[in-house]
């Protein structure tokens, strides 16, 4: 197949997944080219190392001065949405001038589902990690919740101005949500990384999706001869939803406090500072390592005693699989897709998201070398059997072949979602190939 790839991803697990997908498809003999806007991270695992990558500009709209000022005042994102949609049209024009069989789109870091699927006539598959979760989850507060206003607030000019500003802000968010759903409907198929993510897409968009589990590079992430040392590791961006403060609280309750090494691709300085202060207050040693090379990450996974992992509603959880590939046991919370990547009592321990219960699980692993070794070895076998890079690429290839075959079918080709309804998509072990 000739496969066109589009993405607008930052560094992190999503970019690693796309990089591995491209690499796996190339190994199967397919031809690929990639497109992205200049906002995409092209330094972390650059696709240009593997394929030709075209950078297409985001058009700069020149609205009236009044509209620009209003946009800045109300945090209206319509100008940005319009710019991304026009970028997608430019890319679609380039794709349709070439002989591609299918479009594989990654998510957009700003809007998740962009217009590339609905403006391009190719069969299109969106691999979506999650919806734009800040519109659909309380992180920490749901954006749609009404603000508090005292009785008679309309008598205050300031309160009236604030109310109008809030009304315009909410309208802007509704427009973004509308466009995200509209764009998601424009793809021939949506693939997701877990059954939890499938449910998230169904809740947010009202659309079905197909589970297509990711894979881990078991040649890169592998056991080494490094000796295990008394420290814990967690991997994830330095943002509140990764919930590292919770880990610090749990470690503080352990019978034996171990240092925590936090490996992050990006760091929110405000959140990182608050976690550092908490660590000092609770006498927990915290080390933050940012954007380290893969070799150093693999070394840390081979030296640590255990991985601790407690993100809020994580859609999949790449890090526990990378840990498992390195024969490192995992302690994780029973939330989101982590329940699909960590098998309780087999590859790690799953805990209720309470610091004291999480601490008990850490103590169980750090206090029992035989248990830790057994969980780690099982984790390696589990990743090799079900979550290898080859298995992930095979699952994706099957879905792309299905879409190309649908286009070529004499019964009428693709059923585009022009009427706003979702195609009949079923989830089965045949789709996930995980049984």
Protein backbone atom coordinates (compact mmCIF):
# COMPACT_ATOMS: atom_id res chain seq x y z
CA UNK A 1 0.00 0.00 0.00
CA UNK A 2 0.93 3.62 -0.47
CA UNK A 3 0.10 5.26 2.84
CA UNK A 4 -0.07 8.99 3.55
CA UNK A 5 0.52 9.93 7.20
CA UNK A 6 -0.61 13.16 8.87
CA UNK A 7 -0.02 14.28 12.46
CA UNK A 8 0.38 17.24 14.77
CA UNK A 9 1.93 15.62 17.82
CA UNK A 10 4.17 16.88 20.62
CA UNK A 11 6.87 14.69 22.14
CA UNK A 12 5.62 11.83 24.28
CA UNK A 13 3.83 8.51 24.04
CA UNK A 14 1.62 9.52 21.12
CA UNK A 15 4.61 10.44 18.99
CA UNK A 16 6.41 7.24 19.96
CA UNK A 17 3.32 5.24 18.93
CA UNK A 18 3.20 6.96 15.53
CA UNK A 19 6.95 6.50 15.00
CA UNK A 20 6.64 2.80 15.75
CA UNK A 21 3.60 2.48 13.48
CA UNK A 22 5.49 4.06 10.58
CA UNK A 23 8.52 1.87 11.22
CA UNK A 24 6.40 -1.28 11.42
CA UNK A 25 4.53 -0.52 8.19
CA UNK A 26 7.80 0.17 6.38
CA UNK A 27 9.16 -3.18 7.53
CA UNK A 28 6.14 -4.82 5.92
CA UNK A 29 7.02 -3.30 2.54
CA UNK A 30 4.54 -0.44 2.41
CA UNK A 31 5.43 3.00 1.01
CA UNK A 32 4.82 5.97 3.30
CA UNK A 33 5.14 9.74 3.25
CA UNK A 34 4.26 12.08 6.10
CA UNK A 35 2.71 15.54 6.41
CA UNK A 36 2.46 17.82 9.43
CA UNK A 37 2.06 21.50 10.38
CA UNK A 38 5.03 23.42 11.84
CA UNK A 39 3.53 23.05 15.34
CA UNK A 40 4.36 19.31 15.39
CA UNK A 41 7.43 18.17 17.31
CA UNK A 42 9.89 16.99 14.66
CA UNK A 43 12.89 16.51 16.97
CA UNK A 44 11.56 13.76 19.26
CA UNK A 45 11.64 10.49 17.28
CA UNK A 46 11.62 12.36 13.94
CA UNK A 47 9.64 10.69 11.17
CA UNK A 48 12.08 12.29 8.73
CA UNK A 49 14.56 9.58 9.79
CA UNK A 50 12.21 7.03 8.27
CA UNK A 51 10.24 8.71 5.48
CA UNK A 52 9.94 11.96 3.60
CA UNK A 53 8.11 14.41 5.86
CA UNK A 54 6.45 17.49 4.39
CA UNK A 55 5.84 20.51 6.60
CA UNK A 56 2.83 22.50 5.38
CA UNK A 57 2.32 25.94 6.89
CA UNK A 58 -0.63 26.91 9.03
CA UNK A 59 -2.22 29.83 7.15
CA UNK A 60 -2.16 33.11 9.01
CA UNK A 61 -5.55 34.72 8.91
CA UNK A 62 -5.73 38.50 9.06
CA UNK A 63 -9.03 39.31 10.71
CA UNK A 64 -10.11 42.80 11.52
CA UNK A 65 -8.44 44.44 14.49
CA UNK A 66 -11.72 44.30 16.39
CA UNK A 67 -12.15 40.56 15.79
CA UNK A 68 -8.56 39.83 16.81
CA UNK A 69 -8.97 41.82 20.02
CA UNK A 70 -12.27 40.08 20.72
CA UNK A 71 -10.65 36.71 20.10
CA UNK A 72 -7.86 37.44 22.57
CA UNK A 73 -10.30 38.84 25.13
CA UNK A 74 -12.66 35.88 25.07
CA UNK A 75 -10.13 33.10 24.38
CA UNK A 76 -12.13 32.32 21.23
CA UNK A 77 -10.40 29.52 19.29
CA UNK A 78 -12.29 29.85 16.03
CA UNK A 79 -9.42 31.59 14.27
CA UNK A 80 -7.12 28.71 15.22
CA UNK A 81 -9.70 26.14 14.13
CA UNK A 82 -10.09 27.92 10.78
CA UNK A 83 -6.31 27.97 10.31
CA UNK A 84 -5.99 24.23 11.02
CA UNK A 85 -8.88 23.43 8.69
CA UNK A 86 -7.27 25.41 5.88
CA UNK A 87 -3.98 23.63 6.54
CA UNK A 88 -5.82 20.31 6.18
CA UNK A 89 -7.27 21.43 2.85
CA UNK A 90 -3.80 22.27 1.58
CA UNK A 91 -2.51 18.86 2.65
CA UNK A 92 -5.54 17.12 1.12
CA UNK A 93 -4.85 18.82 -2.22
CA UNK A 94 -1.29 17.45 -2.15
CA UNK A 95 -2.45 13.96 -1.23
CA UNK A 96 -5.06 13.80 -3.95
CA UNK A 97 -2.49 14.83 -6.57
CA UNK A 98 -0.58 11.63 -5.74
CA UNK A 99 -1.44 7.97 -5.92
CA UNK A 100 -2.05 7.07 -2.26
CA UNK A 101 -4.27 4.22 -1.15
CA UNK A 102 -5.14 5.37 2.36
CA UNK A 103 -4.60 8.16 4.88
CA UNK A 104 -3.39 7.34 8.39
CA UNK A 105 -3.92 10.37 10.62
CA UNK A 106 -2.61 10.93 14.10
CA UNK A 107 -4.27 13.31 16.55
CA UNK A 108 -3.80 17.06 16.77
CA UNK A 109 -2.30 18.34 20.00
CA UNK A 110 -4.75 21.28 19.98
CA UNK A 111 -8.02 19.82 18.69
CA UNK A 112 -7.43 16.03 18.60
CA UNK A 113 -9.61 15.31 15.53
CA UNK A 114 -8.92 17.71 12.65
CA UNK A 115 -10.66 18.20 9.31
CA UNK A 116 -8.10 16.15 7.35
CA UNK A 117 -10.40 13.13 7.22
CA UNK A 118 -13.47 14.96 5.91
CA UNK A 119 -11.69 17.18 3.37
CA UNK A 120 -9.68 14.33 1.83
CA UNK A 121 -11.33 11.81 -0.51
CA UNK A 122 -8.98 8.97 0.45
CA UNK A 123 -10.07 6.24 2.85
CA UNK A 124 -8.98 7.69 6.17
CA UNK A 125 -8.09 6.10 9.48
CA UNK A 126 -7.66 8.21 12.61
CA UNK A 127 -5.52 6.69 15.36
CA UNK A 128 -6.79 8.66 18.34
CA UNK A 129 -5.37 8.32 21.84
CA UNK A 130 -8.28 10.18 23.44
CA UNK A 131 -10.70 13.07 22.84
CA UNK A 132 -9.65 16.58 23.90
CA UNK A 133 -10.18 15.48 27.46
CA UNK A 134 -10.30 18.94 29.05
CA UNK A 135 -13.67 19.44 27.37
CA UNK A 136 -15.08 16.18 28.71
CA UNK A 137 -13.38 15.52 32.05
CA UNK A 138 -12.99 17.44 35.30
CA UNK A 139 -9.29 18.40 35.21
CA UNK A 140 -9.71 19.51 37.94
CA UNK A 141 -13.01 21.25 37.13
CA UNK A 142 -15.41 20.62 34.27
CA UNK A 143 -15.28 23.63 31.94
CA UNK A 144 -19.06 23.69 31.47
CA UNK A 145 -19.92 24.16 35.18
CA UNK A 146 -21.63 27.50 35.76
CA UNK A 147 -19.84 30.13 37.80
CA UNK A 148 -21.25 31.35 41.12
CA UNK A 149 -23.13 34.64 40.98
CA UNK A 150 -24.72 36.47 43.90
CA UNK A 151 -28.37 37.48 43.88
CA UNK A 152 -28.87 40.65 41.88
CA UNK A 153 -25.54 40.32 40.07
CA UNK A 154 -27.00 42.05 37.00
CA UNK A 155 -26.97 45.35 38.90
CA UNK A 156 -23.16 45.36 38.86
CA UNK A 157 -21.52 46.51 35.59
CA UNK A 158 -18.43 44.42 36.36
CA UNK A 159 -20.54 41.33 36.98
CA UNK A 160 -22.42 41.88 33.72
CA UNK A 161 -19.14 42.21 31.80
CA UNK A 162 -17.84 39.04 33.41
CA UNK A 163 -21.05 37.21 32.56
CA UNK A 164 -20.83 38.26 28.91
CA UNK A 165 -17.18 37.26 28.77
CA UNK A 166 -18.06 33.87 30.28
CA UNK A 167 -20.91 33.38 27.80
CA UNK A 168 -18.59 34.02 24.85
CA UNK A 169 -15.94 31.71 26.33
CA UNK A 170 -18.43 28.89 26.73
CA UNK A 171 -19.69 29.45 23.19
CA UNK A 172 -16.08 29.17 21.97
CA UNK A 173 -15.63 25.85 23.78
CA UNK A 174 -18.90 24.58 22.31
CA UNK A 175 -17.65 25.48 18.84
CA UNK A 176 -14.44 23.57 19.47
CA UNK A 177 -16.39 20.53 20.71
CA UNK A 178 -18.71 20.74 17.69
CA UNK A 179 -15.80 20.86 15.25
CA UNK A 180 -14.01 18.00 17.00
CA UNK A 181 -17.08 15.76 16.71
CA UNK A 182 -17.71 16.85 13.11
CA UNK A 183 -14.12 16.11 12.17
CA UNK A 184 -14.15 12.71 13.92
CA UNK A 185 -17.20 11.74 11.87
CA UNK A 186 -15.29 12.52 8.69
CA UNK A 187 -12.91 9.57 9.07
CA UNK A 188 -13.65 6.17 7.60
CA UNK A 189 -12.59 4.53 10.85
CA UNK A 190 -11.32 5.57 14.27
CA UNK A 191 -8.76 3.35 15.98
CA UNK A 192 -8.04 3.58 19.69
CA UNK A 193 -5.43 2.18 22.03
CA UNK A 194 -7.70 0.51 24.62
CA UNK A 195 -11.26 -0.44 25.42
CA UNK A 196 -11.25 2.41 27.93
CA UNK A 197 -10.41 4.86 25.11
CA UNK A 198 -13.16 3.33 23.00
CA UNK A 199 -15.62 4.14 25.76
CA UNK A 200 -14.20 7.68 26.04
CA UNK A 201 -14.77 8.23 22.30
CA UNK A 202 -18.30 6.88 22.62
CA UNK A 203 -19.06 9.20 25.56
CA UNK A 204 -17.54 12.29 23.92
CA UNK A 205 -18.46 11.82 20.25
CA UNK A 206 -21.24 9.25 20.21
CA UNK A 207 -19.11 7.25 17.73
CA UNK A 208 -17.87 3.68 17.76
CA UNK A 209 -14.17 2.98 17.46
CA UNK A 210 -12.01 -0.08 16.97
CA UNK A 211 -9.44 -1.19 19.55
CA UNK A 212 -6.02 -1.58 17.94
CA UNK A 213 -3.48 -2.12 20.71
CA UNK A 214 -0.06 -0.52 20.42
CA UNK A 215 3.27 -2.32 20.58
CA UNK A 216 6.56 -1.78 22.40
CA UNK A 217 10.02 -2.10 20.90
CA UNK A 218 11.29 -5.12 22.83
CA UNK A 219 14.71 -4.84 21.20
CA UNK A 220 15.14 -1.37 22.72
CA UNK A 221 13.27 -1.97 25.97
CA UNK A 222 14.86 -5.16 27.26
CA UNK A 223 16.53 -6.52 30.38
CA UNK A 224 20.22 -5.74 30.80
CA UNK A 225 22.88 -6.82 33.24
CA UNK A 226 22.40 -3.69 35.37
CA UNK A 227 21.92 -4.32 39.06
CA UNK A 228 18.64 -3.28 40.70
CA UNK A 229 19.04 -0.33 43.05
CA UNK A 230 16.78 1.04 45.82
CA UNK A 231 14.79 3.66 43.94
CA UNK A 232 11.40 3.89 42.24
CA UNK A 233 10.70 5.31 38.79
CA UNK A 234 7.69 6.91 37.14
CA UNK A 235 7.42 8.08 33.53
CA UNK A 236 5.05 10.77 32.27
CA UNK A 237 4.75 14.44 31.46
CA UNK A 238 5.18 16.95 34.25
CA UNK A 239 1.50 17.86 34.31
CA UNK A 240 -1.23 17.51 36.94
CA UNK A 241 -3.03 14.65 35.19
CA UNK A 242 0.05 12.43 35.64
CA UNK A 243 -0.61 12.67 39.39
CA UNK A 244 2.96 12.47 40.63
CA UNK A 245 1.98 14.28 43.82
CA UNK A 246 -0.08 11.23 44.69
CA UNK A 247 3.00 9.03 44.27
CA UNK A 248 4.97 11.24 46.65
CA UNK A 249 2.18 10.93 49.24
CA UNK A 250 2.14 7.15 48.86
CA UNK A 251 5.93 6.79 49.10
CA UNK A 252 5.88 8.87 52.28
CA UNK A 253 3.65 6.18 53.85
CA UNK A 254 5.89 3.27 52.87
CA UNK A 255 7.76 1.29 55.50
CA UNK A 256 10.94 2.09 53.62
CA UNK A 257 11.03 5.39 51.73
CA UNK A 258 12.83 5.09 48.42
CA UNK A 259 13.85 7.96 46.16
CA UNK A 260 11.52 8.63 43.22
CA UNK A 261 12.97 9.33 39.77
CA UNK A 262 10.44 11.14 37.59
CA UNK A 263 11.20 10.95 33.85
CA UNK A 264 9.22 13.56 31.88
CA UNK A 265 9.19 14.76 28.30
CA UNK A 266 7.71 18.17 29.14
CA UNK A 267 7.32 19.83 32.52
CA UNK A 268 4.80 22.36 33.77
CA UNK A 269 7.01 24.45 36.05
CA UNK A 270 4.17 25.36 38.38
CA UNK A 271 3.07 21.78 38.91
CA UNK A 272 6.63 20.48 39.19
CA UNK A 273 7.39 23.11 41.84
CA UNK A 274 4.33 22.08 43.86
CA UNK A 275 5.39 18.42 43.75
CA UNK A 276 8.92 19.35 44.80
CA UNK A 277 7.57 21.28 47.79
CA UNK A 278 5.37 18.33 48.76
CA UNK A 279 8.36 15.97 48.53
CA UNK A 280 10.37 18.21 50.85
CA UNK A 281 7.50 18.41 53.34
CA UNK A 282 7.07 14.61 53.36
CA UNK A 283 10.81 13.87 53.32
CA UNK A 284 10.71 12.02 49.98
CA UNK A 285 13.72 12.32 47.71
CA UNK A 286 12.57 13.40 44.24
CA UNK A 287 14.72 13.58 41.11
CA UNK A 288 13.25 14.99 37.87
CA UNK A 289 14.85 14.04 34.56
CA UNK A 290 13.52 15.82 31.47
CA UNK A 291 13.78 14.69 27.83
CA UNK A 292 16.46 12.10 28.44
CA UNK A 293 17.62 9.81 25.58
CA UNK A 294 16.08 6.37 25.25
CA UNK A 295 19.31 4.69 26.31
CA UNK A 296 19.22 6.46 29.67
CA UNK A 297 15.53 5.60 30.13
CA UNK A 298 16.21 1.92 29.44
CA UNK A 299 19.10 2.00 31.92
CA UNK A 300 16.86 3.50 34.61
CA UNK A 301 14.16 0.91 33.98
CA UNK A 302 16.78 -1.80 34.45
CA UNK A 303 18.19 -0.26 37.63
CA UNK A 304 14.99 0.68 39.49
CA UNK A 305 13.29 -1.56 42.04
CA UNK A 306 9.81 -0.93 40.62
CA UNK A 307 7.79 1.45 38.49
CA UNK A 308 5.05 3.41 40.24
CA UNK A 309 2.32 4.77 37.98
CA UNK A 310 -0.78 6.70 38.97
CA UNK A 311 -2.03 9.01 36.18
CA UNK A 312 -5.67 10.09 36.22
CA UNK A 313 -7.75 8.26 33.60
CA UNK A 314 -4.74 7.40 31.43
CA UNK A 315 -6.05 6.20 28.04
CA UNK A 316 -3.50 3.40 27.60
CA UNK A 317 -0.29 3.48 29.58
CA UNK A 318 2.81 2.98 27.46
CA UNK A 319 5.16 3.29 30.44
CA UNK A 320 4.04 0.12 32.29
CA UNK A 321 4.59 -1.91 29.10
CA UNK A 322 8.05 -0.41 28.62
CA UNK A 323 8.78 -1.30 32.25
CA UNK A 324 7.48 -4.82 31.70
CA UNK A 325 9.66 -5.21 28.62
CA UNK A 326 12.62 -4.45 30.91
CA UNK A 327 11.39 -7.03 33.46
CA UNK A 328 10.53 -4.27 35.92
CA UNK A 329 7.45 -4.86 38.12
CA UNK A 330 4.81 -2.15 38.20
CA UNK A 331 2.53 -0.70 40.88
CA UNK A 332 -0.35 1.16 39.19
CA UNK A 333 -3.75 2.61 39.96
CA UNK A 334 -6.91 0.86 38.79
CA UNK A 335 -7.94 3.59 36.36
CA UNK A 336 -8.29 4.00 32.61
CA UNK A 337 -6.39 1.85 30.14
CA UNK A 338 -3.79 0.88 32.75
CA UNK A 339 -6.16 -1.92 33.76
CA UNK A 340 -5.56 -3.40 30.29
CA UNK A 341 -1.76 -3.13 30.26
CA UNK A 342 -0.99 -4.28 33.83
CA UNK A 343 -2.28 -7.68 35.00
CA UNK A 344 -2.81 -7.59 38.75
CA UNK A 345 -0.74 -10.23 40.50
CA UNK A 346 0.90 -11.32 37.24
CA UNK A 347 2.90 -8.41 35.77
CA UNK A 348 2.41 -5.96 38.63
CA UNK A 349 0.05 -4.88 41.37
CA UNK A 350 -3.08 -2.80 40.79
CA UNK A 351 -4.20 -0.55 43.62
CA UNK A 352 -7.20 1.56 44.47
CA UNK A 353 -6.19 5.22 44.04
CA UNK A 354 -5.62 5.87 47.75
CA UNK A 355 -2.12 6.66 49.05
CA UNK A 356 -2.22 4.18 51.94
CA UNK A 357 -3.36 1.27 49.75
CA UNK A 358 -0.85 2.19 47.05
CA UNK A 359 1.90 2.28 49.69
CA UNK A 360 0.98 -1.25 50.75
CA UNK A 361 1.50 -2.45 47.18
CA UNK A 362 4.88 -0.73 46.99
CA UNK A 363 5.88 -2.36 50.28
CA UNK A 364 4.79 -5.77 48.96
CA UNK A 365 7.13 -5.51 45.96
CA UNK A 366 10.08 -3.79 47.63
CA UNK A 367 9.96 -6.20 50.56
CA UNK A 368 9.80 -9.42 48.56
CA UNK A 369 12.56 -9.97 46.00
CA UNK A 370 11.00 -13.21 44.76
CA UNK A 371 7.66 -11.49 44.11
CA UNK A 372 9.34 -8.58 42.34
CA UNK A 373 11.37 -10.95 40.16
CA UNK A 374 8.35 -13.07 39.25
CA UNK A 375 6.24 -10.04 38.33
CA UNK A 376 9.07 -8.58 36.27
CA UNK A 377 9.74 -11.79 34.35
CA UNK A 378 6.01 -12.23 33.69
CA UNK A 379 5.88 -8.65 32.44
CA UNK A 380 8.61 -9.33 29.90
CA UNK A 381 6.86 -12.46 28.61
CA UNK A 382 3.51 -10.66 28.47
CA UNK A 383 4.87 -7.81 26.35
CA UNK A 384 6.69 -10.18 24.03
CA UNK A 385 3.56 -12.28 23.54
CA UNK A 386 0.90 -9.60 23.09
CA UNK A 387 2.38 -6.09 22.94
CA UNK A 388 5.44 -6.43 20.73
CA UNK A 389 6.17 -3.88 18.01
CA UNK A 390 5.45 -6.50 15.37
CA UNK A 391 2.08 -7.39 16.88
CA UNK A 392 1.07 -3.72 17.04
CA UNK A 393 2.05 -3.11 13.40
CA UNK A 394 0.17 -6.21 12.28
CA UNK A 395 -3.00 -5.03 14.00
CA UNK A 396 -2.74 -1.61 12.34
CA UNK A 397 -1.94 -3.09 8.92
CA UNK A 398 -5.12 -5.20 9.04
CA UNK A 399 -7.28 -2.13 9.65
CA UNK A 400 -5.65 -0.17 6.82
CA UNK A 401 -6.04 -3.09 4.40
CA UNK A 402 -9.71 -3.32 5.37
CA UNK A 403 -10.28 0.34 4.51
CA UNK A 404 -8.52 0.05 1.16
CA UNK A 405 -10.56 -3.05 0.37
CA UNK A 406 -13.76 -1.18 1.29
CA UNK A 407 -12.93 1.52 -1.23
CA UNK A 408 -12.29 -1.02 -3.95
CA UNK A 409 -15.39 -3.06 -3.14
CA UNK A 410 -17.87 -3.37 -6.05
CA UNK A 411 -20.75 -2.90 -3.62
CA UNK A 412 -20.25 0.82 -3.43
CA UNK A 413 -16.98 1.54 -1.72
CA UNK A 414 -16.62 3.58 1.40
CA UNK A 415 -19.58 4.61 3.48
CA UNK A 416 -18.53 8.13 4.42
CA UNK A 417 -20.08 9.65 7.54
CA UNK A 418 -21.73 12.50 5.71
CA UNK A 419 -25.04 12.04 7.51
CA UNK A 420 -23.43 12.39 10.93
CA UNK A 421 -23.94 8.77 11.90
CA UNK A 422 -21.21 6.32 12.82
CA UNK A 423 -20.48 3.25 10.73
CA UNK A 424 -21.30 -0.13 12.17
CA UNK A 425 -18.02 -1.00 13.90
CA UNK A 426 -17.71 -3.96 16.22
CA UNK A 427 -15.02 -4.76 18.70
CA UNK A 428 -13.78 -8.32 18.87
CA UNK A 429 -10.63 -10.25 19.60
CA UNK A 430 -10.24 -10.58 15.86
CA UNK A 431 -9.71 -6.83 15.73
CA UNK A 432 -7.39 -6.64 18.67
CA UNK A 433 -5.51 -9.89 17.99
CA UNK A 434 -4.78 -10.04 21.70
CA UNK A 435 -6.22 -13.44 22.53
